[in-house]
Amino acid sequence: MLYRKVILYIAMSLDGYIAKDEDNLDFLSVVEVPGEDYGYAAFQQTVDTLIWGRKTYDKVLSFGIDFPHKNKKCYVLSSSKTGHDENVEYYNGDIKNLIEQIRQKDGKNIYCDGGGELVYELLRHSLIDQMIISVIPHLVGNGVRLFKDKLPEQALKLTQSVTFPSGLVQLGYEKNSKGAV
């Protein structure tokens, strides 16, 4: 059985925010270029399971589009919802147990995306194997930070740094041999 990596694939503003107040994502449009997906489609071919926070899931549904990951197993972490809907299974247990259960089955990698609470819990428990962070050339000033205070110190290994004409810089990091991400 292949090891299923937990990969955080996310965008943030230059000052470290994944959303403005009221979960506003309009700053992401700064780098919208027709035909450019910044490697997202290729990345999606490497994953078959998603773990998202509930606010992220609700935000995607608010776009009025078909859920874009119907062909993948999707878990949404929620303290208030249980069961499932037509797209996802709600999960309110221990994140370590969920990752362990997923890894016991054959499959591709595990894609994690927002929000800040999910990222915090995954990093707090040293569960992220790889991060792909797209830095948007925009200062937001306030909102939802990607990295919360009081994370344990963690050493990373830079594996990728790609710049795009739009100004987006995509950084890739993995756990280094001396510790967790």
N, C-alpha and C. Protein backbone atom coordinates (compact mmCIF):
# COMPACT_ATOMS: atom_id res chain seq x y z
N MET A 1 0.85 -1.17 0.00
CA MET A 1 0.00 0.00 0.00
C MET A 1 0.90 1.24 0.00
N LEU A 2 0.62 2.19 -0.88
CA LEU A 2 1.37 3.43 -0.94
C LEU A 2 0.95 4.36 0.20
N TYR A 3 1.92 5.13 0.68
CA TYR A 3 1.64 6.11 1.72
C TYR A 3 0.83 7.26 1.12
N ARG A 4 -0.29 7.57 1.71
CA ARG A 4 -1.16 8.64 1.23
C ARG A 4 -0.80 9.93 1.95
N LYS A 5 -0.19 10.85 1.21
CA LYS A 5 0.21 12.13 1.79
C LYS A 5 -1.01 13.01 2.05
N VAL A 6 -0.92 13.78 3.13
CA VAL A 6 -1.88 14.83 3.42
C VAL A 6 -1.26 16.11 2.87
N ILE A 7 -1.95 16.73 1.90
CA ILE A 7 -1.40 17.89 1.22
C ILE A 7 -2.33 19.09 1.40
N LEU A 8 -1.78 20.15 1.95
CA LEU A 8 -2.50 21.41 2.05
C LEU A 8 -2.26 22.16 0.75
N TYR A 9 -3.32 22.45 0.02
CA TYR A 9 -3.24 23.21 -1.24
C TYR A 9 -4.15 24.41 -1.04
N ILE A 10 -3.54 25.60 -0.95
CA ILE A 10 -4.32 26.76 -0.54
C ILE A 10 -3.68 28.03 -1.07
N ALA A 11 -4.47 29.09 -1.13
CA ALA A 11 -3.97 30.41 -1.52
C ALA A 11 -4.10 31.35 -0.34
N MET A 12 -3.16 32.29 -0.26
CA MET A 12 -3.23 33.30 0.79
C MET A 12 -2.71 34.62 0.24
N SER A 13 -3.10 35.70 0.89
CA SER A 13 -2.59 37.02 0.53
C SER A 13 -1.13 37.11 0.98
N LEU A 14 -0.43 38.09 0.47
CA LEU A 14 0.96 38.28 0.85
C LEU A 14 1.12 38.46 2.36
N ASP A 15 0.13 39.03 3.01
CA ASP A 15 0.21 39.21 4.46
C ASP A 15 -0.42 38.06 5.25
N GLY A 16 -0.67 36.94 4.59
CA GLY A 16 -1.00 35.70 5.29
C GLY A 16 -2.45 35.39 5.54
N TYR A 17 -3.37 36.01 4.80
CA TYR A 17 -4.80 35.77 5.01
C TYR A 17 -5.37 34.88 3.90
N ILE A 18 -6.24 33.94 4.31
CA ILE A 18 -6.91 33.08 3.33
C ILE A 18 -8.30 33.61 2.98
N ALA A 19 -8.79 34.55 3.76
CA ALA A 19 -10.07 35.20 3.49
C ALA A 19 -10.08 36.53 4.22
N LYS A 20 -10.83 37.46 3.66
CA LYS A 20 -11.05 38.73 4.35
C LYS A 20 -12.20 38.54 5.34
N ASP A 21 -12.56 39.60 6.04
CA ASP A 21 -13.70 39.52 6.95
C ASP A 21 -14.93 39.02 6.20
N GLU A 22 -15.80 38.33 6.91
CA GLU A 22 -17.02 37.76 6.36
C GLU A 22 -16.72 36.74 5.25
N ASP A 23 -15.57 36.09 5.35
CA ASP A 23 -15.14 35.04 4.41
C ASP A 23 -15.10 35.53 2.96
N ASN A 24 -14.81 36.79 2.76
CA ASN A 24 -14.72 37.39 1.42
C ASN A 24 -13.42 36.94 0.75
N LEU A 25 -13.54 36.42 -0.46
CA LEU A 25 -12.39 35.92 -1.22
C LEU A 25 -12.09 36.75 -2.46
N ASP A 26 -12.65 37.94 -2.56
CA ASP A 26 -12.50 38.70 -3.81
C ASP A 26 -11.06 39.04 -4.16
N PHE A 27 -10.15 39.07 -3.19
CA PHE A 27 -8.74 39.36 -3.50
C PHE A 27 -8.10 38.29 -4.39
N LEU A 28 -8.67 37.10 -4.43
CA LEU A 28 -8.14 36.05 -5.30
C LEU A 28 -8.25 36.42 -6.77
N SER A 29 -9.21 37.27 -7.10
CA SER A 29 -9.41 37.65 -8.50
C SER A 29 -8.25 38.48 -9.05
N VAL A 30 -7.39 38.99 -8.20
CA VAL A 30 -6.22 39.77 -8.63
C VAL A 30 -5.37 38.97 -9.60
N VAL A 31 -5.34 37.64 -9.45
CA VAL A 31 -4.47 36.81 -10.28
C VAL A 31 -5.24 35.96 -11.30
N GLU A 32 -6.53 36.23 -11.48
CA GLU A 32 -7.30 35.47 -12.47
C GLU A 32 -6.81 35.82 -13.87
N VAL A 33 -6.41 34.77 -14.58
CA VAL A 33 -5.95 34.90 -15.96
C VAL A 33 -6.66 33.81 -16.76
N PRO A 34 -7.31 34.15 -17.86
CA PRO A 34 -8.00 33.12 -18.65
C PRO A 34 -7.06 31.96 -19.02
N GLY A 35 -7.51 30.75 -18.75
CA GLY A 35 -6.75 29.56 -19.10
C GLY A 35 -5.66 29.18 -18.13
N GLU A 36 -5.44 29.96 -17.09
CA GLU A 36 -4.38 29.64 -16.11
C GLU A 36 -5.02 29.11 -14.83
N ASP A 37 -4.65 27.89 -14.45
CA ASP A 37 -5.18 27.33 -13.21
C ASP A 37 -4.09 27.09 -12.17
N TYR A 38 -2.88 27.51 -12.46
CA TYR A 38 -1.76 27.43 -11.52
C TYR A 38 -1.48 26.00 -11.05
N GLY A 39 -1.71 25.03 -11.92
CA GLY A 39 -1.41 23.64 -11.61
C GLY A 39 -2.50 22.90 -10.85
N TYR A 40 -3.65 23.55 -10.66
CA TYR A 40 -4.71 22.94 -9.86
C TYR A 40 -5.28 21.67 -10.50
N ALA A 41 -5.51 21.67 -11.79
CA ALA A 41 -6.07 20.48 -12.45
C ALA A 41 -5.10 19.30 -12.34
N ALA A 42 -3.83 19.56 -12.55
CA ALA A 42 -2.83 18.49 -12.42
C ALA A 42 -2.78 17.98 -10.98
N PHE A 43 -2.83 18.89 -10.02
CA PHE A 43 -2.84 18.49 -8.62
C PHE A 43 -4.05 17.60 -8.32
N GLN A 44 -5.21 17.97 -8.85
CA GLN A 44 -6.43 17.20 -8.59
C GLN A 44 -6.32 15.75 -9.06
N GLN A 45 -5.48 15.49 -10.05
CA GLN A 45 -5.29 14.12 -10.52
C GLN A 45 -4.55 13.26 -9.50
N THR A 46 -3.89 13.89 -8.53
CA THR A 46 -3.08 13.15 -7.55
C THR A 46 -3.84 12.86 -6.26
N VAL A 47 -5.08 13.33 -6.14
CA VAL A 47 -5.85 13.15 -4.91
C VAL A 47 -7.19 12.50 -5.19
N ASP A 48 -7.70 11.77 -4.19
CA ASP A 48 -9.04 11.18 -4.32
C ASP A 48 -9.89 11.42 -3.09
N THR A 49 -9.33 12.12 -2.11
CA THR A 49 -10.02 12.39 -0.86
C THR A 49 -9.78 13.85 -0.49
N LEU A 50 -10.83 14.51 0.02
CA LEU A 50 -10.72 15.89 0.46
C LEU A 50 -11.13 16.00 1.91
N ILE A 51 -10.45 16.90 2.62
CA ILE A 51 -10.86 17.27 3.97
C ILE A 51 -10.92 18.79 3.99
N TRP A 52 -12.10 19.31 4.27
CA TRP A 52 -12.32 20.75 4.29
C TRP A 52 -12.98 21.14 5.60
N GLY A 53 -12.83 22.40 5.94
CA GLY A 53 -13.61 22.97 7.03
C GLY A 53 -15.01 23.29 6.53
N ARG A 54 -15.95 23.40 7.45
CA ARG A 54 -17.34 23.64 7.06
C ARG A 54 -17.54 24.99 6.39
N LYS A 55 -16.86 26.03 6.87
CA LYS A 55 -17.01 27.35 6.25
C LYS A 55 -16.51 27.33 4.81
N THR A 56 -15.44 26.61 4.55
CA THR A 56 -14.92 26.50 3.19
C THR A 56 -15.95 25.80 2.30
N TYR A 57 -16.50 24.72 2.80
CA TYR A 57 -17.52 24.00 2.05
C TYR A 57 -18.73 24.89 1.77
N ASP A 58 -19.21 25.58 2.80
CA ASP A 58 -20.36 26.46 2.62
C ASP A 58 -20.05 27.56 1.61
N LYS A 59 -18.82 28.06 1.62
CA LYS A 59 -18.44 29.11 0.67
C LYS A 59 -18.48 28.58 -0.75
N VAL A 60 -17.96 27.39 -0.97
CA VAL A 60 -17.99 26.78 -2.32
C VAL A 60 -19.44 26.62 -2.78
N LEU A 61 -20.31 26.17 -1.90
CA LEU A 61 -21.73 26.02 -2.27
C LEU A 61 -22.37 27.36 -2.60
N SER A 62 -21.91 28.44 -1.96
CA SER A 62 -22.49 29.77 -2.20
C SER A 62 -22.17 30.31 -3.59
N PHE A 63 -21.21 29.70 -4.28
CA PHE A 63 -20.85 30.18 -5.62
C PHE A 63 -21.91 29.83 -6.66
N GLY A 64 -22.87 28.97 -6.30
CA GLY A 64 -23.94 28.62 -7.22
C GLY A 64 -23.51 27.71 -8.36
N ILE A 65 -22.43 26.97 -8.17
CA ILE A 65 -21.93 26.04 -9.19
C ILE A 65 -22.13 24.61 -8.69
N ASP A 66 -22.04 23.65 -9.59
CA ASP A 66 -22.06 22.25 -9.16
C ASP A 66 -20.84 21.99 -8.29
N PHE A 67 -21.01 21.15 -7.29
CA PHE A 67 -19.88 20.81 -6.43
C PHE A 67 -18.78 20.20 -7.30
N PRO A 68 -17.58 20.77 -7.28
CA PRO A 68 -16.54 20.37 -8.24
C PRO A 68 -15.82 19.07 -7.92
N HIS A 69 -16.15 18.39 -6.83
CA HIS A 69 -15.40 17.19 -6.45
C HIS A 69 -16.31 15.99 -6.23
N LYS A 70 -17.33 15.87 -7.05
CA LYS A 70 -18.27 14.76 -6.89
C LYS A 70 -17.61 13.39 -7.09
N ASN A 71 -16.48 13.36 -7.77
CA ASN A 71 -15.79 12.09 -8.03
C ASN A 71 -14.78 11.74 -6.94
N LYS A 72 -14.80 12.46 -5.82
CA LYS A 72 -13.86 12.21 -4.74
C LYS A 72 -14.63 12.03 -3.42
N LYS A 73 -13.99 11.34 -2.49
CA LYS A 73 -14.56 11.22 -1.14
C LYS A 73 -14.26 12.51 -0.40
N CYS A 74 -15.29 13.15 0.12
CA CYS A 74 -15.11 14.46 0.75
C CYS A 74 -15.61 14.44 2.19
N TYR A 75 -14.74 14.87 3.09
CA TYR A 75 -15.09 15.02 4.49
C TYR A 75 -15.10 16.50 4.82
N VAL A 76 -16.10 16.94 5.55
CA VAL A 76 -16.17 18.32 6.02
C VAL A 76 -16.19 18.27 7.54
N LEU A 77 -15.21 18.94 8.14
CA LEU A 77 -15.16 18.99 9.59
C LEU A 77 -16.18 19.99 10.10
N SER A 78 -17.01 19.55 11.01
CA SER A 78 -18.06 20.41 11.54
C SER A 78 -18.40 19.99 12.96
N SER A 79 -18.53 20.98 13.83
CA SER A 79 -18.97 20.67 15.19
C SER A 79 -20.48 20.72 15.30
N SER A 80 -21.16 21.24 14.26
CA SER A 80 -22.61 21.40 14.35
C SER A 80 -23.40 20.49 13.41
N LYS A 81 -22.78 19.99 12.35
CA LYS A 81 -23.50 19.13 11.41
C LYS A 81 -22.97 17.71 11.51
N THR A 82 -23.86 16.75 11.29
CA THR A 82 -23.48 15.34 11.28
C THR A 82 -24.11 14.68 10.06
N GLY A 83 -23.73 13.44 9.83
CA GLY A 83 -24.30 12.71 8.70
C GLY A 83 -23.63 13.10 7.41
N HIS A 84 -24.44 13.23 6.36
CA HIS A 84 -23.89 13.56 5.05
C HIS A 84 -24.94 14.27 4.22
N ASP A 85 -24.48 14.88 3.13
CA ASP A 85 -25.39 15.41 2.12
C ASP A 85 -24.98 14.78 0.80
N GLU A 86 -25.46 15.31 -0.31
CA GLU A 86 -25.17 14.68 -1.60
C GLU A 86 -23.71 14.79 -2.01
N ASN A 87 -22.93 15.64 -1.33
CA ASN A 87 -21.53 15.86 -1.73
C ASN A 87 -20.51 15.37 -0.72
N VAL A 88 -20.82 15.47 0.56
CA VAL A 88 -19.81 15.25 1.59
C VAL A 88 -20.34 14.46 2.76
N GLU A 89 -19.39 13.96 3.56
CA GLU A 89 -19.70 13.37 4.85
C GLU A 89 -19.19 14.34 5.91
N TYR A 90 -20.04 14.69 6.87
CA TYR A 90 -19.64 15.58 7.95
C TYR A 90 -18.92 14.76 9.01
N TYR A 91 -17.87 15.34 9.56
CA TYR A 91 -17.06 14.62 10.55
C TYR A 91 -16.79 15.55 11.72
N ASN A 92 -17.04 15.08 12.95
CA ASN A 92 -16.76 15.90 14.11
C ASN A 92 -15.92 15.18 15.15
N GLY A 93 -15.20 14.15 14.72
CA GLY A 93 -14.33 13.42 15.63
C GLY A 93 -12.90 13.95 15.60
N ASP A 94 -12.01 13.15 16.11
CA ASP A 94 -10.59 13.48 16.18
C ASP A 94 -9.98 13.44 14.78
N ILE A 95 -9.33 14.52 14.38
CA ILE A 95 -8.74 14.62 13.04
C ILE A 95 -7.66 13.56 12.83
N LYS A 96 -6.92 13.23 13.89
CA LYS A 96 -5.89 12.18 13.76
C LYS A 96 -6.53 10.85 13.39
N ASN A 97 -7.66 10.54 14.02
CA ASN A 97 -8.35 9.28 13.72
C ASN A 97 -8.86 9.26 12.28
N LEU A 98 -9.38 10.39 11.81
CA LEU A 98 -9.87 10.45 10.43
C LEU A 98 -8.74 10.19 9.45
N ILE A 99 -7.61 10.85 9.63
CA ILE A 99 -6.46 10.66 8.73
C ILE A 99 -6.00 9.21 8.77
N GLU A 100 -5.94 8.64 9.96
CA GLU A 100 -5.53 7.24 10.10
C GLU A 100 -6.48 6.30 9.36
N GLN A 101 -7.79 6.54 9.49
CA GLN A 101 -8.78 5.70 8.81
C GLN A 101 -8.64 5.80 7.29
N ILE A 102 -8.43 7.01 6.80
CA ILE A 102 -8.28 7.20 5.36
C ILE A 102 -7.03 6.49 4.85
N ARG A 103 -5.95 6.61 5.60
CA ARG A 103 -4.68 6.02 5.17
C ARG A 103 -4.69 4.50 5.20
N GLN A 104 -5.63 3.90 5.91
CA GLN A 104 -5.70 2.44 5.96
C GLN A 104 -6.26 1.85 4.67
N LYS A 105 -6.83 2.70 3.84
CA LYS A 105 -7.40 2.25 2.57
C LYS A 105 -6.47 2.65 1.43
N ASP A 106 -6.41 1.81 0.40
CA ASP A 106 -5.63 2.18 -0.78
C ASP A 106 -6.25 3.40 -1.42
N GLY A 107 -5.42 4.22 -2.02
CA GLY A 107 -5.93 5.39 -2.70
C GLY A 107 -4.83 6.38 -3.00
N LYS A 108 -5.27 7.52 -3.47
CA LYS A 108 -4.36 8.61 -3.80
C LYS A 108 -4.17 9.49 -2.58
N ASN A 109 -3.52 10.62 -2.77
CA ASN A 109 -3.26 11.54 -1.68
C ASN A 109 -4.54 12.21 -1.18
N ILE A 110 -4.40 12.92 -0.07
CA ILE A 110 -5.52 13.56 0.62
C ILE A 110 -5.33 15.07 0.51
N TYR A 111 -6.31 15.76 -0.04
CA TYR A 111 -6.26 17.21 -0.27
C TYR A 111 -6.98 17.93 0.87
N CYS A 112 -6.26 18.84 1.51
CA CYS A 112 -6.85 19.68 2.55
C CYS A 112 -6.84 21.12 2.09
N ASP A 113 -7.92 21.81 2.40
CA ASP A 113 -8.06 23.21 2.06
C ASP A 113 -8.88 23.84 3.18
N GLY A 114 -8.69 25.05 3.50
CA GLY A 114 -9.34 25.85 4.51
C GLY A 114 -10.36 25.14 5.38
N GLY A 115 -10.54 25.74 6.42
CA GLY A 115 -10.06 27.05 6.80
C GLY A 115 -8.96 27.01 7.82
N GLY A 116 -8.84 28.15 8.47
CA GLY A 116 -7.78 28.34 9.43
C GLY A 116 -7.80 27.34 10.57
N GLU A 117 -8.98 26.98 11.04
CA GLU A 117 -9.09 26.01 12.14
C GLU A 117 -8.60 24.63 11.71
N LEU A 118 -8.98 24.22 10.52
CA LEU A 118 -8.54 22.92 10.02
C LEU A 118 -7.02 22.89 9.87
N VAL A 119 -6.47 23.92 9.27
CA VAL A 119 -5.01 23.99 9.09
C VAL A 119 -4.32 23.95 10.45
N TYR A 120 -4.85 24.70 11.40
CA TYR A 120 -4.27 24.72 12.75
C TYR A 120 -4.25 23.31 13.35
N GLU A 121 -5.38 22.61 13.29
CA GLU A 121 -5.45 21.27 13.89
C GLU A 121 -4.51 20.29 13.19
N LEU A 122 -4.45 20.36 11.87
CA LEU A 122 -3.55 19.46 11.15
C LEU A 122 -2.09 19.73 11.50
N LEU A 123 -1.70 21.00 11.56
CA LEU A 123 -0.33 21.34 11.91
C LEU A 123 -0.03 21.04 13.38
N ARG A 124 -0.99 21.29 14.23
CA ARG A 124 -0.80 21.03 15.66
C ARG A 124 -0.49 19.56 15.92
N HIS A 125 -1.08 18.70 15.10
CA HIS A 125 -0.86 17.26 15.26
C HIS A 125 0.15 16.71 14.27
N SER A 126 0.84 17.61 13.56
CA SER A 126 1.89 17.22 12.62
C SER A 126 1.39 16.24 11.56
N LEU A 127 0.22 16.53 11.01
CA LEU A 127 -0.41 15.62 10.05
C LEU A 127 -0.21 16.02 8.59
N ILE A 128 0.31 17.20 8.32
CA ILE A 128 0.50 17.63 6.94
C ILE A 128 1.87 17.18 6.45
N ASP A 129 1.87 16.47 5.32
CA ASP A 129 3.11 16.00 4.72
C ASP A 129 3.69 16.99 3.73
N GLN A 130 2.81 17.74 3.10
CA GLN A 130 3.24 18.66 2.04
C GLN A 130 2.29 19.86 2.02
N MET A 131 2.86 21.03 1.72
CA MET A 131 2.06 22.25 1.56
C MET A 131 2.35 22.85 0.20
N ILE A 132 1.31 23.24 -0.50
CA ILE A 132 1.43 24.02 -1.72
C ILE A 132 0.64 25.29 -1.46
N ILE A 133 1.37 26.39 -1.32
CA ILE A 133 0.75 27.65 -0.95
C ILE A 133 0.96 28.66 -2.07
N SER A 134 -0.14 29.13 -2.62
CA SER A 134 -0.09 30.17 -3.65
C SER A 134 -0.22 31.52 -2.97
N VAL A 135 0.79 32.36 -3.13
CA VAL A 135 0.81 33.67 -2.50
C VAL A 135 0.31 34.70 -3.52
N ILE A 136 -0.78 35.35 -3.15
CA ILE A 136 -1.43 36.35 -4.00
C ILE A 136 -0.80 37.72 -3.72
N PRO A 137 -0.40 38.47 -4.75
CA PRO A 137 0.25 39.77 -4.53
C PRO A 137 -0.76 40.84 -4.13
N HIS A 138 -1.23 40.71 -2.91
CA HIS A 138 -2.27 41.61 -2.40
C HIS A 138 -2.17 41.62 -0.88
N LEU A 139 -2.25 42.80 -0.28
CA LEU A 139 -2.28 42.91 1.17
C LEU A 139 -3.73 43.08 1.60
N VAL A 140 -4.22 42.14 2.39
CA VAL A 140 -5.62 42.14 2.81
C VAL A 140 -5.81 42.98 4.08
N GLY A 141 -4.90 42.86 5.03
CA GLY A 141 -4.97 43.67 6.24
C GLY A 141 -5.68 43.04 7.42
N ASN A 142 -6.70 42.23 7.17
CA ASN A 142 -7.39 41.53 8.26
C ASN A 142 -8.26 40.43 7.68
N GLY A 143 -8.73 39.56 8.54
CA GLY A 143 -9.57 38.46 8.11
C GLY A 143 -9.15 37.16 8.77
N VAL A 144 -9.16 36.09 7.99
CA VAL A 144 -8.82 34.75 8.48
C VAL A 144 -7.37 34.45 8.11
N ARG A 145 -6.55 34.29 9.10
CA ARG A 145 -5.13 33.99 8.87
C ARG A 145 -4.95 32.51 8.51
N LEU A 146 -3.99 32.24 7.63
CA LEU A 146 -3.68 30.84 7.32
C LEU A 146 -3.06 30.16 8.54
N PHE A 147 -2.09 30.81 9.15
CA PHE A 147 -1.39 30.22 10.29
C PHE A 147 -1.74 30.97 11.57
N LYS A 148 -2.32 30.24 12.50
CA LYS A 148 -2.69 30.83 13.79
C LYS A 148 -1.46 30.88 14.71
N ASP A 149 -1.56 31.70 15.73
CA ASP A 149 -0.52 31.76 16.75
C ASP A 149 -0.45 30.45 17.51
N LYS A 150 0.67 30.25 18.14
CA LYS A 150 0.90 29.12 19.05
C LYS A 150 0.97 27.77 18.36
N LEU A 151 1.40 27.75 17.11
CA LEU A 151 1.70 26.47 16.47
C LEU A 151 3.03 25.96 17.01
N PRO A 152 3.21 24.65 17.08
CA PRO A 152 4.52 24.15 17.47
C PRO A 152 5.54 24.49 16.38
N GLU A 153 6.76 24.75 16.80
CA GLU A 153 7.82 25.04 15.83
C GLU A 153 8.01 23.84 14.93
N GLN A 154 8.15 24.09 13.63
CA GLN A 154 8.28 23.01 12.67
C GLN A 154 9.23 23.42 11.56
N ALA A 155 10.16 22.54 11.24
CA ALA A 155 11.11 22.80 10.17
C ALA A 155 10.55 22.26 8.85
N LEU A 156 10.78 23.01 7.78
CA LEU A 156 10.26 22.65 6.45
C LEU A 156 11.38 22.59 5.44
N LYS A 157 11.11 21.89 4.37
CA LYS A 157 12.04 21.82 3.25
C LYS A 157 11.34 22.40 2.03
N LEU A 158 11.91 23.45 1.44
CA LEU A 158 11.35 24.03 0.23
C LEU A 158 11.57 23.08 -0.94
N THR A 159 10.48 22.73 -1.63
CA THR A 159 10.58 21.80 -2.76
C THR A 159 10.19 22.44 -4.08
N GLN A 160 9.57 23.62 -4.01
CA GLN A 160 9.09 24.26 -5.23
C GLN A 160 8.93 25.75 -5.00
N SER A 161 9.30 26.53 -5.99
CA SER A 161 9.06 27.97 -5.99
C SER A 161 8.85 28.37 -7.44
N VAL A 162 7.61 28.69 -7.77
CA VAL A 162 7.27 29.01 -9.15
C VAL A 162 6.62 30.39 -9.17
N THR A 163 7.09 31.26 -10.05
CA THR A 163 6.48 32.58 -10.20
C THR A 163 5.70 32.60 -11.51
N PHE A 164 4.61 33.32 -11.50
CA PHE A 164 3.74 33.43 -12.67
C PHE A 164 3.64 34.89 -13.08
N PRO A 165 3.38 35.16 -14.37
CA PRO A 165 3.28 36.54 -14.84
C PRO A 165 2.25 37.38 -14.09
N SER A 166 1.23 36.75 -13.52
CA SER A 166 0.20 37.49 -12.77
C SER A 166 0.71 38.04 -11.44
N GLY A 167 1.89 37.57 -11.03
CA GLY A 167 2.44 37.96 -9.74
C GLY A 167 2.26 36.90 -8.67
N LEU A 168 1.45 35.89 -8.93
CA LEU A 168 1.28 34.79 -7.98
C LEU A 168 2.60 34.03 -7.87
N VAL A 169 2.96 33.68 -6.65
CA VAL A 169 4.12 32.85 -6.38
C VAL A 169 3.62 31.61 -5.67
N GLN A 170 3.97 30.44 -6.22
CA GLN A 170 3.52 29.19 -5.62
C GLN A 170 4.71 28.52 -4.95
N LEU A 171 4.56 28.25 -3.66
CA LEU A 171 5.61 27.66 -2.85
C LEU A 171 5.21 26.26 -2.43
N GLY A 172 6.15 25.34 -2.52
CA GLY A 172 5.91 23.98 -2.07
C GLY A 172 6.86 23.64 -0.94
N TYR A 173 6.33 23.01 0.10
CA TYR A 173 7.13 22.61 1.25
C TYR A 173 6.77 21.18 1.63
N GLU A 174 7.74 20.46 2.16
CA GLU A 174 7.50 19.12 2.69
C GLU A 174 8.14 19.03 4.06
N LYS A 175 7.73 18.02 4.79
CA LYS A 175 8.39 17.72 6.06
C LYS A 175 9.86 17.49 5.75
N ASN A 176 10.72 17.97 6.61
CA ASN A 176 12.12 17.64 6.41
C ASN A 176 12.46 16.42 7.24
N SER A 177 13.64 15.91 7.09
CA SER A 177 14.01 14.66 7.77
C SER A 177 14.15 14.83 9.27
N LYS A 178 14.15 16.07 9.76
CA LYS A 178 14.33 16.30 11.19
C LYS A 178 13.04 16.56 11.93
N GLY A 179 11.91 16.53 11.22
CA GLY A 179 10.69 16.80 11.96
C GLY A 179 9.49 16.95 11.09
N ALA A 180 8.45 17.40 11.69
CA ALA A 180 7.16 17.54 11.02
C ALA A 180 7.12 18.81 10.22
N VAL A 181 6.09 18.90 9.37
CA VAL A 181 5.90 20.13 8.62
C VAL A 181 5.66 21.24 9.60
